[in-house]
N, C-alpha and C. Protein backbone atom coordinates (compact mmCIF):
# COMPACT_ATOMS: atom_id res chain seq x y z
N MET A 1 0.83 -1.20 0.00
CA MET A 1 0.00 0.00 0.00
C MET A 1 0.87 1.25 0.00
N ARG A 2 1.94 1.23 0.81
CA ARG A 2 2.84 2.37 0.87
C ARG A 2 3.53 2.56 -0.47
N ALA A 3 3.84 1.44 -1.17
CA ALA A 3 4.49 1.53 -2.48
C ALA A 3 3.57 2.19 -3.50
N ILE A 4 2.26 1.85 -3.42
CA ILE A 4 1.30 2.44 -4.34
C ILE A 4 1.18 3.93 -4.10
N CYS A 5 1.10 4.32 -2.82
CA CYS A 5 1.00 5.73 -2.48
C CYS A 5 2.23 6.49 -2.92
N PHE A 6 3.39 5.85 -2.76
CA PHE A 6 4.65 6.48 -3.16
C PHE A 6 4.66 6.75 -4.66
N SER A 7 4.17 5.77 -5.46
CA SER A 7 4.13 5.94 -6.91
C SER A 7 3.16 7.04 -7.31
N LEU A 8 2.00 7.08 -6.68
CA LEU A 8 1.02 8.11 -6.98
C LEU A 8 1.55 9.50 -6.66
N PHE A 9 2.35 9.58 -5.57
CA PHE A 9 2.91 10.87 -5.16
C PHE A 9 3.76 11.48 -6.25
N PHE A 10 4.52 10.63 -6.95
CA PHE A 10 5.39 11.13 -8.01
C PHE A 10 4.66 11.30 -9.35
N LEU A 11 3.53 10.62 -9.52
CA LEU A 11 2.77 10.76 -10.76
C LEU A 11 1.95 12.04 -10.80
N ILE A 12 1.55 12.54 -9.62
CA ILE A 12 0.70 13.72 -9.55
C ILE A 12 1.33 14.93 -10.25
N PRO A 13 2.61 15.26 -9.98
CA PRO A 13 3.22 16.40 -10.68
C PRO A 13 3.25 16.21 -12.20
N PHE A 14 3.47 14.96 -12.64
CA PHE A 14 3.51 14.70 -14.08
C PHE A 14 2.19 15.05 -14.74
N PHE A 15 1.09 14.57 -14.14
CA PHE A 15 -0.22 14.87 -14.71
C PHE A 15 -0.55 16.35 -14.58
N ALA A 16 -0.10 16.98 -13.52
CA ALA A 16 -0.37 18.41 -13.33
C ALA A 16 0.27 19.23 -14.44
N VAL A 17 1.53 18.87 -14.80
CA VAL A 17 2.23 19.59 -15.86
C VAL A 17 1.58 19.33 -17.21
N SER A 18 1.20 18.03 -17.45
CA SER A 18 0.64 17.69 -18.75
C SER A 18 -0.72 18.33 -18.96
N GLN A 19 -1.45 18.63 -17.87
CA GLN A 19 -2.76 19.23 -17.97
C GLN A 19 -2.72 20.75 -17.88
N SER A 20 -1.57 21.35 -17.58
CA SER A 20 -1.50 22.79 -17.35
C SER A 20 -1.64 23.55 -18.66
N ILE A 21 -1.98 24.85 -18.55
CA ILE A 21 -2.08 25.71 -19.71
C ILE A 21 -0.99 26.78 -19.63
N ASN A 22 -0.72 27.41 -20.78
CA ASN A 22 0.30 28.46 -20.87
C ASN A 22 1.66 27.96 -20.40
N TYR A 23 1.98 26.74 -20.81
CA TYR A 23 3.23 26.11 -20.37
C TYR A 23 4.38 26.48 -21.31
N VAL A 24 5.50 26.84 -20.74
CA VAL A 24 6.73 27.11 -21.48
C VAL A 24 7.78 26.12 -21.00
N ASP A 25 8.40 25.39 -21.93
CA ASP A 25 9.37 24.37 -21.53
C ASP A 25 10.72 24.99 -21.19
N ASN A 26 11.66 24.15 -20.86
CA ASN A 26 12.98 24.63 -20.42
C ASN A 26 13.75 25.37 -21.52
N SER A 27 13.32 25.18 -22.77
CA SER A 27 13.96 25.88 -23.88
C SER A 27 13.26 27.19 -24.22
N GLY A 28 12.25 27.53 -23.42
CA GLY A 28 11.52 28.77 -23.64
C GLY A 28 10.46 28.67 -24.72
N MET A 29 10.08 27.45 -25.09
CA MET A 29 9.10 27.26 -26.14
C MET A 29 7.72 26.98 -25.56
N LYS A 30 6.70 27.57 -26.19
CA LYS A 30 5.32 27.30 -25.78
C LYS A 30 4.95 25.87 -26.17
N GLN A 31 4.27 25.20 -25.24
CA GLN A 31 3.84 23.83 -25.47
C GLN A 31 2.42 23.65 -24.94
N GLY A 32 1.64 22.85 -25.65
CA GLY A 32 0.32 22.49 -25.17
C GLY A 32 -0.71 23.60 -25.30
N VAL A 33 -1.72 23.52 -24.45
CA VAL A 33 -2.84 24.46 -24.52
C VAL A 33 -2.44 25.82 -23.97
N TRP A 34 -2.78 26.85 -24.75
CA TRP A 34 -2.58 28.23 -24.30
C TRP A 34 -3.90 28.97 -24.33
N GLN A 35 -4.03 29.84 -23.34
CA GLN A 35 -5.28 30.58 -23.20
C GLN A 35 -5.00 31.93 -22.55
N LYS A 36 -5.55 32.98 -23.12
CA LYS A 36 -5.45 34.30 -22.52
C LYS A 36 -6.86 34.84 -22.28
N LYS A 37 -6.99 35.69 -21.25
CA LYS A 37 -8.30 36.19 -20.87
C LYS A 37 -8.34 37.71 -20.82
N TYR A 38 -9.54 38.25 -20.96
CA TYR A 38 -9.77 39.68 -20.76
C TYR A 38 -9.82 39.97 -19.27
N ALA A 39 -9.80 41.24 -18.93
CA ALA A 39 -9.86 41.65 -17.52
C ALA A 39 -11.14 41.18 -16.84
N ASN A 40 -12.22 41.00 -17.64
CA ASN A 40 -13.48 40.54 -17.05
C ASN A 40 -13.55 39.03 -16.88
N GLY A 41 -12.46 38.33 -17.24
CA GLY A 41 -12.41 36.89 -17.06
C GLY A 41 -12.78 36.08 -18.28
N ASN A 42 -13.38 36.71 -19.29
CA ASN A 42 -13.73 35.99 -20.51
C ASN A 42 -12.48 35.68 -21.32
N ILE A 43 -12.55 34.59 -22.06
CA ILE A 43 -11.40 34.14 -22.84
C ILE A 43 -11.16 35.07 -24.03
N ARG A 44 -9.91 35.47 -24.20
CA ARG A 44 -9.51 36.29 -25.36
C ARG A 44 -9.17 35.37 -26.53
N TYR A 45 -8.35 34.35 -26.28
CA TYR A 45 -8.05 33.35 -27.30
C TYR A 45 -7.64 32.05 -26.63
N GLU A 46 -7.73 30.95 -27.38
CA GLU A 46 -7.29 29.66 -26.89
C GLU A 46 -6.84 28.81 -28.08
N GLY A 47 -5.81 28.00 -27.85
CA GLY A 47 -5.30 27.14 -28.90
C GLY A 47 -4.14 26.31 -28.41
N MET A 48 -3.57 25.53 -29.31
CA MET A 48 -2.51 24.59 -28.96
C MET A 48 -1.20 24.98 -29.64
N PHE A 49 -0.11 24.90 -28.85
CA PHE A 49 1.23 25.13 -29.37
C PHE A 49 2.06 23.85 -29.31
N LYS A 50 2.97 23.72 -30.25
CA LYS A 50 3.99 22.68 -30.19
C LYS A 50 5.30 23.30 -30.66
N ASP A 51 6.26 23.32 -29.76
CA ASP A 51 7.57 23.91 -30.07
C ASP A 51 7.42 25.34 -30.59
N ASN A 52 6.58 26.10 -29.91
CA ASN A 52 6.38 27.53 -30.19
C ASN A 52 5.57 27.80 -31.46
N LYS A 53 5.02 26.78 -32.09
CA LYS A 53 4.23 26.94 -33.30
C LYS A 53 2.77 26.62 -33.02
N GLU A 54 1.87 27.45 -33.57
CA GLU A 54 0.45 27.16 -33.45
C GLU A 54 0.11 25.93 -34.28
N ILE A 55 -0.71 25.05 -33.71
CA ILE A 55 -1.14 23.86 -34.44
C ILE A 55 -2.66 23.73 -34.32
N GLY A 56 -3.26 23.30 -35.41
CA GLY A 56 -4.69 23.05 -35.37
C GLY A 56 -5.52 24.30 -35.21
N LEU A 57 -6.60 24.17 -34.45
CA LEU A 57 -7.60 25.23 -34.32
C LEU A 57 -7.25 26.23 -33.22
N PHE A 58 -7.28 27.51 -33.56
CA PHE A 58 -7.19 28.61 -32.59
C PHE A 58 -8.50 29.39 -32.68
N ARG A 59 -9.00 29.78 -31.52
CA ARG A 59 -10.24 30.54 -31.47
C ARG A 59 -10.01 31.83 -30.70
N TYR A 60 -10.52 32.94 -31.26
CA TYR A 60 -10.41 34.26 -30.65
C TYR A 60 -11.82 34.79 -30.40
N PHE A 61 -11.97 35.54 -29.31
CA PHE A 61 -13.30 35.97 -28.88
C PHE A 61 -13.36 37.47 -28.64
N TYR A 62 -14.56 38.03 -28.82
CA TYR A 62 -14.81 39.40 -28.39
C TYR A 62 -14.87 39.42 -26.86
N GLU A 63 -14.78 40.61 -26.29
CA GLU A 63 -14.75 40.72 -24.83
C GLU A 63 -16.04 40.22 -24.20
N ASP A 64 -17.14 40.25 -24.94
CA ASP A 64 -18.41 39.76 -24.38
C ASP A 64 -18.55 38.25 -24.48
N GLY A 65 -17.53 37.57 -25.06
CA GLY A 65 -17.54 36.12 -25.14
C GLY A 65 -17.96 35.55 -26.48
N SER A 66 -18.48 36.37 -27.37
CA SER A 66 -18.89 35.87 -28.68
C SER A 66 -17.66 35.62 -29.56
N LEU A 67 -17.80 34.66 -30.46
CA LEU A 67 -16.68 34.25 -31.31
C LEU A 67 -16.30 35.34 -32.30
N LYS A 68 -15.00 35.63 -32.37
CA LYS A 68 -14.48 36.68 -33.26
C LYS A 68 -13.74 36.09 -34.46
N LEU A 69 -12.94 35.06 -34.24
CA LEU A 69 -12.07 34.53 -35.29
C LEU A 69 -11.74 33.07 -35.01
N GLU A 70 -11.74 32.27 -36.07
CA GLU A 70 -11.22 30.91 -36.02
C GLU A 70 -10.10 30.78 -37.05
N LYS A 71 -8.96 30.26 -36.60
CA LYS A 71 -7.84 30.02 -37.50
C LYS A 71 -7.43 28.56 -37.38
N ILE A 72 -7.25 27.91 -38.51
CA ILE A 72 -6.79 26.52 -38.53
C ILE A 72 -5.43 26.49 -39.20
N PHE A 73 -4.41 26.10 -38.44
CA PHE A 73 -3.03 26.10 -38.93
C PHE A 73 -2.70 24.76 -39.58
N PHE A 74 -1.91 24.82 -40.67
CA PHE A 74 -1.48 23.61 -41.36
C PHE A 74 -0.16 23.89 -42.07
N HIS A 75 0.35 22.89 -42.78
CA HIS A 75 1.66 22.99 -43.44
C HIS A 75 2.74 23.43 -42.44
N ASN A 76 2.83 22.68 -41.35
CA ASN A 76 3.83 22.97 -40.32
C ASN A 76 3.68 24.38 -39.77
N SER A 77 2.43 24.82 -39.66
CA SER A 77 2.06 26.12 -39.08
C SER A 77 2.45 27.31 -39.96
N ILE A 78 2.88 27.04 -41.18
CA ILE A 78 3.21 28.14 -42.09
C ILE A 78 1.95 28.84 -42.58
N ALA A 79 0.90 28.07 -42.82
CA ALA A 79 -0.34 28.61 -43.37
C ALA A 79 -1.49 28.43 -42.38
N ALA A 80 -2.51 29.26 -42.55
CA ALA A 80 -3.70 29.15 -41.71
C ALA A 80 -4.91 29.68 -42.46
N SER A 81 -5.99 28.90 -42.44
CA SER A 81 -7.26 29.41 -42.95
C SER A 81 -7.92 30.21 -41.84
N ALA A 82 -8.61 31.28 -42.19
CA ALA A 82 -9.18 32.18 -41.19
C ALA A 82 -10.63 32.51 -41.52
N HIS A 83 -11.45 32.54 -40.47
CA HIS A 83 -12.85 32.96 -40.60
C HIS A 83 -13.14 33.96 -39.49
N PHE A 84 -13.43 35.21 -39.88
CA PHE A 84 -13.80 36.26 -38.93
C PHE A 84 -15.32 36.34 -38.85
N TYR A 85 -15.82 36.72 -37.64
CA TYR A 85 -17.26 36.76 -37.42
C TYR A 85 -17.69 38.09 -36.80
N TYR A 86 -18.92 38.51 -37.15
CA TYR A 86 -19.55 39.60 -36.43
C TYR A 86 -20.00 39.07 -35.07
N LYS A 87 -20.33 39.98 -34.17
CA LYS A 87 -20.75 39.57 -32.83
C LYS A 87 -22.04 38.76 -32.84
N ASN A 88 -22.84 38.92 -33.89
CA ASN A 88 -24.08 38.14 -33.96
C ASN A 88 -23.87 36.74 -34.50
N GLY A 89 -22.60 36.40 -34.83
CA GLY A 89 -22.28 35.06 -35.30
C GLY A 89 -22.20 34.92 -36.80
N ASP A 90 -22.63 35.93 -37.56
CA ASP A 90 -22.55 35.87 -39.02
C ASP A 90 -21.11 36.03 -39.48
N ILE A 91 -20.80 35.40 -40.61
CA ILE A 91 -19.45 35.48 -41.16
C ILE A 91 -19.14 36.91 -41.61
N LYS A 92 -17.95 37.38 -41.30
CA LYS A 92 -17.51 38.73 -41.65
C LYS A 92 -16.51 38.71 -42.80
N SER A 93 -15.54 37.81 -42.73
CA SER A 93 -14.56 37.66 -43.80
C SER A 93 -13.89 36.30 -43.67
N SER A 94 -13.28 35.84 -44.76
CA SER A 94 -12.58 34.56 -44.73
C SER A 94 -11.46 34.59 -45.75
N GLY A 95 -10.40 33.86 -45.45
CA GLY A 95 -9.28 33.82 -46.36
C GLY A 95 -8.13 33.01 -45.80
N LEU A 96 -6.97 33.19 -46.39
CA LEU A 96 -5.78 32.41 -46.06
C LEU A 96 -4.64 33.31 -45.63
N TYR A 97 -3.91 32.87 -44.61
CA TYR A 97 -2.66 33.50 -44.21
C TYR A 97 -1.50 32.56 -44.56
N VAL A 98 -0.43 33.12 -45.07
CA VAL A 98 0.82 32.39 -45.27
C VAL A 98 1.94 33.21 -44.65
N ASN A 99 2.63 32.62 -43.69
CA ASN A 99 3.64 33.36 -42.92
C ASN A 99 3.05 34.63 -42.30
N SER A 100 1.84 34.49 -41.79
CA SER A 100 1.11 35.56 -41.08
C SER A 100 0.69 36.71 -41.99
N LEU A 101 0.81 36.53 -43.31
CA LEU A 101 0.40 37.56 -44.27
C LEU A 101 -0.78 37.06 -45.09
N LYS A 102 -1.68 37.96 -45.45
CA LYS A 102 -2.81 37.58 -46.29
C LYS A 102 -2.31 37.03 -47.62
N ASP A 103 -3.00 35.97 -48.10
CA ASP A 103 -2.60 35.35 -49.35
C ASP A 103 -3.84 34.80 -50.06
N SER A 104 -3.74 34.71 -51.39
CA SER A 104 -4.82 34.15 -52.21
C SER A 104 -6.10 34.98 -52.08
N THR A 105 -7.25 34.34 -52.25
CA THR A 105 -8.52 35.07 -52.29
C THR A 105 -9.11 35.28 -50.90
N TRP A 106 -9.52 36.51 -50.62
CA TRP A 106 -10.23 36.85 -49.40
C TRP A 106 -11.63 37.32 -49.76
N ASN A 107 -12.61 36.87 -48.97
CA ASN A 107 -14.01 37.24 -49.17
C ASN A 107 -14.51 38.04 -47.97
N TYR A 108 -15.33 39.06 -48.25
CA TYR A 108 -15.87 39.93 -47.20
C TYR A 108 -17.39 39.98 -47.32
N TYR A 109 -18.06 40.01 -46.15
CA TYR A 109 -19.51 39.89 -46.12
C TYR A 109 -20.12 41.01 -45.27
N ASP A 110 -21.39 41.34 -45.56
CA ASP A 110 -22.09 42.31 -44.73
C ASP A 110 -22.74 41.60 -43.54
N PHE A 111 -23.55 42.34 -42.76
CA PHE A 111 -24.14 41.77 -41.55
C PHE A 111 -25.10 40.63 -41.82
N ASP A 112 -25.58 40.52 -43.05
CA ASP A 112 -26.51 39.44 -43.40
C ASP A 112 -25.80 38.30 -44.13
N SER A 113 -24.47 38.26 -44.03
CA SER A 113 -23.65 37.21 -44.66
C SER A 113 -23.73 37.25 -46.19
N VAL A 114 -24.05 38.41 -46.74
CA VAL A 114 -24.06 38.58 -48.20
C VAL A 114 -22.68 39.03 -48.66
N LEU A 115 -22.14 38.36 -49.66
CA LEU A 115 -20.81 38.70 -50.17
C LEU A 115 -20.81 40.11 -50.74
N ILE A 116 -19.89 40.96 -50.26
CA ILE A 116 -19.82 42.34 -50.74
C ILE A 116 -18.50 42.66 -51.43
N MET A 117 -17.45 41.84 -51.20
CA MET A 117 -16.16 42.13 -51.84
C MET A 117 -15.27 40.90 -51.83
N THR A 118 -14.47 40.76 -52.88
CA THR A 118 -13.41 39.76 -52.92
C THR A 118 -12.10 40.45 -53.27
N GLU A 119 -11.02 39.99 -52.67
CA GLU A 119 -9.68 40.53 -52.94
C GLU A 119 -8.71 39.38 -53.15
N GLN A 120 -7.64 39.65 -53.89
CA GLN A 120 -6.59 38.66 -54.09
C GLN A 120 -5.27 39.22 -53.56
N TYR A 121 -4.59 38.39 -52.78
CA TYR A 121 -3.35 38.81 -52.13
C TYR A 121 -2.20 37.87 -52.47
N LYS A 122 -1.00 38.43 -52.37
CA LYS A 122 0.23 37.65 -52.43
C LYS A 122 1.24 38.33 -51.51
N ASN A 123 1.75 37.59 -50.55
CA ASN A 123 2.71 38.12 -49.58
C ASN A 123 2.18 39.36 -48.85
N GLY A 124 0.89 39.33 -48.54
CA GLY A 124 0.30 40.42 -47.77
C GLY A 124 -0.06 41.65 -48.57
N LYS A 125 0.15 41.62 -49.88
CA LYS A 125 -0.16 42.77 -50.73
C LYS A 125 -1.24 42.41 -51.75
N LEU A 126 -2.04 43.41 -52.10
CA LEU A 126 -3.06 43.20 -53.12
C LEU A 126 -2.40 42.91 -54.45
N ASN A 127 -2.74 41.75 -55.01
CA ASN A 127 -2.24 41.35 -56.32
C ASN A 127 -3.35 40.63 -57.06
N GLY A 128 -3.74 41.18 -58.22
CA GLY A 128 -4.83 40.58 -58.95
C GLY A 128 -6.08 41.43 -58.89
N VAL A 129 -7.22 40.79 -58.98
CA VAL A 129 -8.50 41.48 -59.13
C VAL A 129 -9.21 41.64 -57.79
N THR A 130 -9.75 42.83 -57.55
CA THR A 130 -10.70 43.02 -56.46
C THR A 130 -12.07 43.32 -57.07
N LYS A 131 -13.09 42.74 -56.46
CA LYS A 131 -14.46 42.94 -56.93
C LYS A 131 -15.34 43.35 -55.76
N THR A 132 -16.19 44.33 -55.98
CA THR A 132 -17.22 44.68 -55.00
C THR A 132 -18.58 44.44 -55.64
N PHE A 133 -19.57 44.12 -54.78
CA PHE A 133 -20.86 43.67 -55.26
C PHE A 133 -22.00 44.48 -54.65
N TYR A 134 -23.07 44.62 -55.40
CA TYR A 134 -24.32 45.11 -54.84
C TYR A 134 -24.89 44.03 -53.92
N ASN A 135 -25.79 44.43 -53.02
CA ASN A 135 -26.42 43.45 -52.13
C ASN A 135 -27.17 42.37 -52.89
N GLU A 136 -27.60 42.71 -54.09
CA GLU A 136 -28.34 41.74 -54.91
C GLU A 136 -27.42 40.69 -55.53
N GLY A 137 -26.09 40.90 -55.41
CA GLY A 137 -25.14 39.92 -55.90
C GLY A 137 -24.48 40.27 -57.21
N THR A 138 -24.98 41.29 -57.92
CA THR A 138 -24.34 41.68 -59.17
C THR A 138 -23.10 42.54 -58.90
N ILE A 139 -22.18 42.53 -59.84
CA ILE A 139 -20.91 43.24 -59.66
C ILE A 139 -21.10 44.75 -59.75
N TYR A 140 -20.51 45.47 -58.80
CA TYR A 140 -20.51 46.93 -58.84
C TYR A 140 -19.20 47.47 -59.41
N GLU A 141 -18.06 46.89 -58.99
CA GLU A 141 -16.76 47.47 -59.37
C GLU A 141 -15.71 46.38 -59.49
N VAL A 142 -14.79 46.58 -60.45
CA VAL A 142 -13.65 45.68 -60.66
C VAL A 142 -12.39 46.53 -60.78
N LYS A 143 -11.36 46.17 -59.99
CA LYS A 143 -10.07 46.86 -60.06
C LYS A 143 -8.95 45.82 -60.14
N ASN A 144 -7.81 46.24 -60.69
CA ASN A 144 -6.65 45.37 -60.82
C ASN A 144 -5.47 45.96 -60.05
N TRP A 145 -4.76 45.08 -59.34
CA TRP A 145 -3.66 45.51 -58.47
C TRP A 145 -2.39 44.72 -58.75
N SER A 146 -1.26 45.37 -58.47
CA SER A 146 0.04 44.68 -58.44
C SER A 146 0.85 45.27 -57.29
N ASP A 147 1.11 44.45 -56.28
CA ASP A 147 1.85 44.88 -55.08
C ASP A 147 1.26 46.15 -54.46
N ASN A 148 -0.04 46.11 -54.22
CA ASN A 148 -0.77 47.22 -53.57
C ASN A 148 -0.90 48.47 -54.44
N ILE A 149 -0.54 48.38 -55.70
CA ILE A 149 -0.61 49.52 -56.61
C ILE A 149 -1.65 49.22 -57.69
N LEU A 150 -2.53 50.19 -57.93
CA LEU A 150 -3.53 50.03 -58.98
C LEU A 150 -2.86 50.04 -60.35
N ASN A 151 -3.10 48.97 -61.10
CA ASN A 151 -2.56 48.85 -62.46
C ASN A 151 -3.57 48.10 -63.32
N GLY A 152 -3.95 48.71 -64.44
CA GLY A 152 -4.85 48.01 -65.34
C GLY A 152 -6.25 48.58 -65.34
N VAL A 153 -7.19 47.78 -65.81
CA VAL A 153 -8.56 48.23 -66.05
C VAL A 153 -9.32 48.45 -64.74
N TRP A 154 -10.08 49.52 -64.72
CA TRP A 154 -11.01 49.83 -63.63
C TRP A 154 -12.39 49.98 -64.24
N LYS A 155 -13.35 49.20 -63.74
CA LYS A 155 -14.71 49.24 -64.28
C LYS A 155 -15.73 49.36 -63.16
N GLN A 156 -16.83 50.05 -63.46
CA GLN A 156 -17.99 50.09 -62.58
C GLN A 156 -19.23 49.75 -63.39
N PHE A 157 -20.22 49.16 -62.69
CA PHE A 157 -21.43 48.69 -63.36
C PHE A 157 -22.67 49.21 -62.64
N TYR A 158 -23.74 49.35 -63.39
CA TYR A 158 -25.04 49.66 -62.80
C TYR A 158 -25.65 48.38 -62.22
N LEU A 159 -26.67 48.56 -61.41
CA LEU A 159 -27.34 47.42 -60.79
C LEU A 159 -27.92 46.47 -61.83
N ASN A 160 -28.29 47.01 -62.99
CA ASN A 160 -28.86 46.15 -64.04
C ASN A 160 -27.80 45.38 -64.81
N GLY A 161 -26.51 45.58 -64.45
CA GLY A 161 -25.42 44.87 -65.10
C GLY A 161 -24.76 45.63 -66.22
N ASN A 162 -25.37 46.71 -66.67
CA ASN A 162 -24.76 47.51 -67.74
C ASN A 162 -23.53 48.26 -67.24
N LEU A 163 -22.60 48.46 -68.14
CA LEU A 163 -21.35 49.15 -67.80
C LEU A 163 -21.63 50.62 -67.47
N LYS A 164 -21.08 51.08 -66.35
CA LYS A 164 -21.24 52.47 -65.92
C LYS A 164 -20.05 53.32 -66.34
N MET A 165 -18.84 52.77 -66.21
CA MET A 165 -17.63 53.48 -66.62
C MET A 165 -16.49 52.49 -66.76
N THR A 166 -15.50 52.89 -67.57
CA THR A 166 -14.28 52.11 -67.69
C THR A 166 -13.10 53.06 -67.82
N ALA A 167 -12.00 52.72 -67.14
CA ALA A 167 -10.81 53.57 -67.12
C ALA A 167 -9.59 52.69 -66.94
N LEU A 168 -8.42 53.33 -66.98
CA LEU A 168 -7.16 52.61 -66.82
C LEU A 168 -6.31 53.27 -65.73
N TYR A 169 -5.66 52.42 -64.94
CA TYR A 169 -4.68 52.89 -63.97
C TYR A 169 -3.29 52.42 -64.40
N LYS A 170 -2.31 53.29 -64.18
CA LYS A 170 -0.92 52.93 -64.37
C LYS A 170 -0.13 53.47 -63.18
N ASN A 171 0.40 52.56 -62.38
CA ASN A 171 1.15 52.94 -61.18
C ASN A 171 0.36 53.90 -60.29
N ASN A 172 -0.88 53.51 -60.02
CA ASN A 172 -1.76 54.25 -59.10
C ASN A 172 -2.30 55.56 -59.66
N LYS A 173 -2.07 55.81 -60.94
CA LYS A 173 -2.56 57.05 -61.54
C LYS A 173 -3.43 56.73 -62.76
N ARG A 174 -4.48 57.52 -62.94
CA ARG A 174 -5.36 57.34 -64.08
C ARG A 174 -4.66 57.82 -65.35
N GLU A 175 -4.65 56.94 -66.35
CA GLU A 175 -3.99 57.23 -67.62
C GLU A 175 -4.85 56.70 -68.77
N GLY A 176 -4.92 57.46 -69.84
CA GLY A 176 -5.59 56.98 -71.03
C GLY A 176 -7.05 57.38 -71.12
N GLU A 177 -7.74 56.79 -72.10
CA GLU A 177 -9.12 57.19 -72.40
C GLU A 177 -10.10 56.55 -71.42
N GLU A 178 -11.10 57.34 -71.04
CA GLU A 178 -12.15 56.87 -70.14
C GLU A 178 -13.51 57.04 -70.80
N PHE A 179 -14.42 56.12 -70.46
CA PHE A 179 -15.78 56.15 -71.00
C PHE A 179 -16.78 56.05 -69.86
N TYR A 180 -17.81 56.87 -69.92
CA TYR A 180 -18.89 56.84 -68.93
C TYR A 180 -20.21 56.64 -69.67
N TYR A 181 -21.13 55.88 -69.05
CA TYR A 181 -22.35 55.48 -69.74
C TYR A 181 -23.60 55.77 -68.91
N PHE A 182 -24.71 55.98 -69.61
CA PHE A 182 -26.02 56.02 -68.97
C PHE A 182 -26.45 54.59 -68.64
N PRO A 183 -27.43 54.42 -67.75
CA PRO A 183 -27.91 53.06 -67.41
C PRO A 183 -28.41 52.27 -68.62
N ASN A 184 -28.87 52.98 -69.67
CA ASN A 184 -29.36 52.26 -70.86
C ASN A 184 -28.25 51.84 -71.80
N GLY A 185 -26.99 52.19 -71.46
CA GLY A 185 -25.86 51.80 -72.28
C GLY A 185 -25.34 52.88 -73.20
N ASN A 186 -26.08 53.95 -73.38
CA ASN A 186 -25.61 55.05 -74.23
C ASN A 186 -24.47 55.81 -73.56
N ILE A 187 -23.60 56.38 -74.39
CA ILE A 187 -22.43 57.08 -73.88
C ILE A 187 -22.84 58.36 -73.14
N LEU A 188 -22.25 58.59 -71.99
CA LEU A 188 -22.49 59.80 -71.19
C LEU A 188 -21.38 60.83 -71.40
N SER A 189 -20.13 60.36 -71.35
CA SER A 189 -18.99 61.25 -71.58
C SER A 189 -17.76 60.42 -71.90
N THR A 190 -16.80 61.06 -72.53
CA THR A 190 -15.56 60.38 -72.85
C THR A 190 -14.43 61.41 -72.97
N GLY A 191 -13.23 60.97 -72.64
CA GLY A 191 -12.06 61.84 -72.71
C GLY A 191 -10.84 61.14 -72.15
N PHE A 192 -9.75 61.88 -72.04
CA PHE A 192 -8.47 61.28 -71.63
C PHE A 192 -7.99 61.83 -70.29
N TYR A 193 -7.28 60.94 -69.58
CA TYR A 193 -6.55 61.31 -68.36
C TYR A 193 -5.06 61.13 -68.61
N LYS A 194 -4.28 62.00 -67.98
CA LYS A 194 -2.83 61.82 -67.95
C LYS A 194 -2.32 62.26 -66.59
N ASN A 195 -1.61 61.36 -65.93
CA ASN A 195 -1.04 61.65 -64.61
C ASN A 195 -2.13 62.12 -63.63
N ASN A 196 -3.28 61.44 -63.69
CA ASN A 196 -4.40 61.69 -62.78
C ASN A 196 -5.17 62.97 -63.08
N LEU A 197 -4.93 63.60 -64.23
CA LEU A 197 -5.62 64.83 -64.58
C LEU A 197 -6.31 64.70 -65.94
N LYS A 198 -7.48 65.31 -66.06
CA LYS A 198 -8.15 65.35 -67.36
C LYS A 198 -7.34 66.20 -68.33
N ILE A 199 -7.22 65.73 -69.56
CA ILE A 199 -6.50 66.49 -70.59
C ILE A 199 -7.31 66.50 -71.88
N GLY A 200 -7.00 67.46 -72.73
CA GLY A 200 -7.62 67.50 -74.04
C GLY A 200 -9.12 67.74 -74.00
N VAL A 201 -9.77 67.37 -75.09
CA VAL A 201 -11.21 67.62 -75.25
C VAL A 201 -12.02 66.47 -74.67
N TRP A 202 -12.93 66.82 -73.75
CA TRP A 202 -13.89 65.85 -73.22
C TRP A 202 -15.26 66.16 -73.82
N LYS A 203 -15.95 65.12 -74.23
CA LYS A 203 -17.28 65.26 -74.81
C LYS A 203 -18.34 64.72 -73.85
N TYR A 204 -19.42 65.47 -73.71
CA TYR A 204 -20.52 65.10 -72.82
C TYR A 204 -21.80 65.01 -73.64
N TYR A 205 -22.60 63.98 -73.40
CA TYR A 205 -23.74 63.68 -74.25
C TYR A 205 -25.06 63.68 -73.46
N PHE A 206 -26.14 63.93 -74.20
CA PHE A 206 -27.47 63.68 -73.67
C PHE A 206 -27.76 62.17 -73.78
N GLU A 207 -28.80 61.75 -73.08
CA GLU A 207 -29.09 60.31 -73.05
C GLU A 207 -29.51 59.77 -74.42
N ASP A 208 -29.99 60.65 -75.29
CA ASP A 208 -30.40 60.19 -76.63
C ASP A 208 -29.22 60.10 -77.60
N GLY A 209 -28.00 60.44 -77.11
CA GLY A 209 -26.81 60.31 -77.93
C GLY A 209 -26.34 61.58 -78.58
N THR A 210 -27.09 62.66 -78.48
CA THR A 210 -26.66 63.93 -79.05
C THR A 210 -25.69 64.64 -78.10
N ILE A 211 -24.82 65.46 -78.69
CA ILE A 211 -23.81 66.17 -77.91
C ILE A 211 -24.45 67.21 -77.00
N ASP A 212 -24.05 67.20 -75.74
CA ASP A 212 -24.47 68.22 -74.77
C ASP A 212 -23.47 69.36 -74.77
N THR A 213 -22.20 69.03 -74.51
CA THR A 213 -21.16 70.06 -74.47
C THR A 213 -19.80 69.41 -74.65
N THR A 214 -18.81 70.24 -74.98
CA THR A 214 -17.42 69.79 -75.03
C THR A 214 -16.58 70.75 -74.21
N ILE A 215 -15.59 70.21 -73.53
CA ILE A 215 -14.69 71.02 -72.70
C ILE A 215 -13.26 70.65 -73.03
N ASN A 216 -12.44 71.68 -73.28
CA ASN A 216 -11.03 71.46 -73.55
C ASN A 216 -10.26 71.74 -72.26
N TYR A 217 -9.72 70.68 -71.66
CA TYR A 217 -9.03 70.82 -70.38
C TYR A 217 -7.58 71.27 -70.54
N ASN A 218 -7.14 71.47 -71.77
CA ASN A 218 -5.79 72.01 -71.99
C ASN A 218 -5.79 73.53 -72.00
N GLU A 219 -6.96 74.13 -72.08
CA GLU A 219 -7.03 75.60 -72.18
C GLU A 219 -7.08 76.24 -70.80
């Protein structure tokens, strides 16, 4: 009986350590379950570490206790899928992190979980197409990016799907010819931009296609 008690005495610390949270080993590395709390006692975040790396599911909370973010780590903790939430539980945004930077396609939603915008990232910078949507689901705007800089076609659309305007960006500045349209598809105005400024003759039309006025921006 004394032998059994003696064995249990030494096993208790082992189980206590294995069950503890916020544990740092002798090498200074986080291990096991980690949890941080707000001043009011509610959990701020909780998740599992192995050798100082996040593994599996991490959950983050608002101060009132409602879920704020879920991240699932994979590829040796290099990447993580992320889902952000509004306090009412509806999805707010979702996407991928690689080396803690936004990567690939990110989706953003309004309070009713309706998709309102998509973005494409590489190494934490906007690269590729961003799209914004009307609540009805049709496209409102399309822009093109390279390393956080606007480059390429910029378009906007009416709710009925007809083109509203089209322009070009070059290194974050509007360059080249632009076209603006009425909801019925007829031309509204057209002219050129250079270095973010209107240049030359711009033509403005009535909805029936007849000329309204012309303005020379070089004068």
